[in-house]
Protein backbone atom coordinates (compact mmCIF):
# COMPACT_ATOMS: atom_id res chain seq x y z
CA MET A 1 103.21 87.89 91.41
CA GLN A 2 99.91 89.79 91.24
CA LEU A 3 100.76 91.60 94.47
CA ASP A 4 104.04 92.83 92.99
CA ALA A 5 102.18 94.16 89.95
CA LEU A 6 99.74 95.99 92.23
CA LYS A 7 102.62 97.49 94.19
CA ALA A 8 104.20 98.69 90.95
CA LEU A 9 100.90 100.24 89.87
CA LEU A 10 100.59 101.86 93.29
CA VAL A 11 104.08 103.34 92.97
CA VAL A 12 103.29 104.73 89.49
CA LEU A 13 99.98 106.26 90.55
CA VAL A 14 101.31 107.74 93.79
CA THR A 15 104.31 109.16 91.92
CA GLU A 16 101.96 110.74 89.38
CA GLY A 17 99.95 112.09 92.31
CA ILE A 18 103.07 113.72 93.75
CA VAL A 19 103.90 115.21 90.33
CA SER A 20 100.31 116.47 90.04
CA LEU A 21 100.40 118.02 93.49
CA GLY A 22 103.73 119.60 92.58
CA LYS A 23 102.04 121.29 89.62
CA LEU A 24 99.30 122.59 91.91
CA LEU A 25 101.94 124.02 94.24
CA GLY A 26 103.90 125.57 91.37
CA ARG A 27 106.81 123.10 91.53
CA ASP A 28 108.14 121.23 88.51
CA ILE A 29 108.59 117.56 89.33
CA SER A 30 109.36 116.13 85.91
CA GLY A 31 112.25 114.39 84.20
CA PRO A 32 114.90 113.21 86.64
CA ALA A 33 112.93 114.56 89.61
CA ALA A 34 110.01 112.26 88.73
CA GLY A 35 112.41 109.31 88.66
CA ILE A 36 113.73 110.24 92.08
CA ALA A 37 110.16 110.61 93.35
CA ALA A 38 109.30 107.14 91.99
CA ALA A 39 112.33 105.61 93.72
CA PHE A 40 111.38 107.37 96.95
CA VAL A 41 107.76 106.17 96.74
CA GLY A 42 108.95 102.61 96.08
CA ALA A 43 111.22 102.79 99.12
CA VAL A 44 108.40 104.17 101.27
CA VAL A 45 106.04 101.36 100.18
CA PHE A 46 108.71 98.75 101.02
CA PHE A 47 109.51 100.42 104.35
CA ALA A 48 105.84 100.80 105.32
CA GLU A 49 105.14 97.12 104.68
CA ASN A 50 107.96 96.08 106.98
CA VAL A 51 107.11 98.58 109.71
CA ILE A 52 103.47 97.48 109.80
CA ILE A 53 104.59 93.91 110.46
CA LEU A 54 106.48 95.10 113.55
CA LEU A 55 103.44 96.80 115.08
CA PRO A 56 101.12 95.05 117.55
CA ALA A 57 98.27 93.21 115.82
CA ASP A 58 95.60 95.63 117.07
CA LYS A 59 97.46 98.64 115.63
CA GLN A 60 98.27 97.13 112.23
CA ALA A 61 94.79 97.66 110.78
CA VAL A 62 94.67 101.31 111.84
CA VAL A 63 98.08 102.17 110.40
CA ALA A 64 97.42 100.19 107.21
CA SER A 65 94.08 101.99 106.76
CA PHE A 66 95.69 105.40 107.20
CA LEU A 67 98.48 104.60 104.73
CA GLY A 68 95.90 103.17 102.32
CA LEU A 69 93.88 106.38 102.52
CA LEU A 70 96.98 108.47 101.86
CA ALA A 71 97.90 106.29 98.88
CA LEU A 72 94.30 106.48 97.60
CA VAL A 73 94.27 110.29 97.67
CA LEU A 74 97.64 110.60 95.94
CA SER A 75 96.67 107.91 93.41
CA ALA A 76 93.45 109.77 92.63
CA TYR A 77 95.41 112.92 91.79
CA GLY A 78 97.86 110.90 89.71
CA GLY A 79 95.17 108.93 87.87
CA ASN A 80 93.26 112.11 87.12
CA ASP A 81 96.37 113.73 85.69
CA LEU A 82 97.22 110.65 83.61
CA ILE A 83 93.71 110.46 82.16
CA LYS A 84 93.64 114.18 81.37
CA GLY A 85 97.00 113.89 79.62
CA TYR A 86 95.80 110.89 77.62
CA ILE A 87 92.58 112.61 76.58
CA ASN A 88 94.39 115.83 75.67
CA GLY A 89 96.91 113.81 73.66
CA MET A 90 94.11 112.09 71.75
CA THR A 91 92.33 115.34 70.91
CA ALA A 92 95.56 117.06 69.81
CA GLU A 93 96.15 114.52 67.04
């Protein structure tokens, strides 16, 4: 159960990271596009888990580390954007 909650948090943070990177690149990923991005990220997480299982044991750690690093970077962008939005929302009131 805890692992599912962590996966959900990962999907939210990576989706926010994609939205944040979209802003940096001048693309609007909000509204329905953010929902599509969240569904895509969820599918990628599910797919990546199952592909890693199929790899030889000596390659699993390398691929998992690379995917973890990618998720960490995107989550950092997303978390930063969420925190900035929360702080700006608090100061606007």
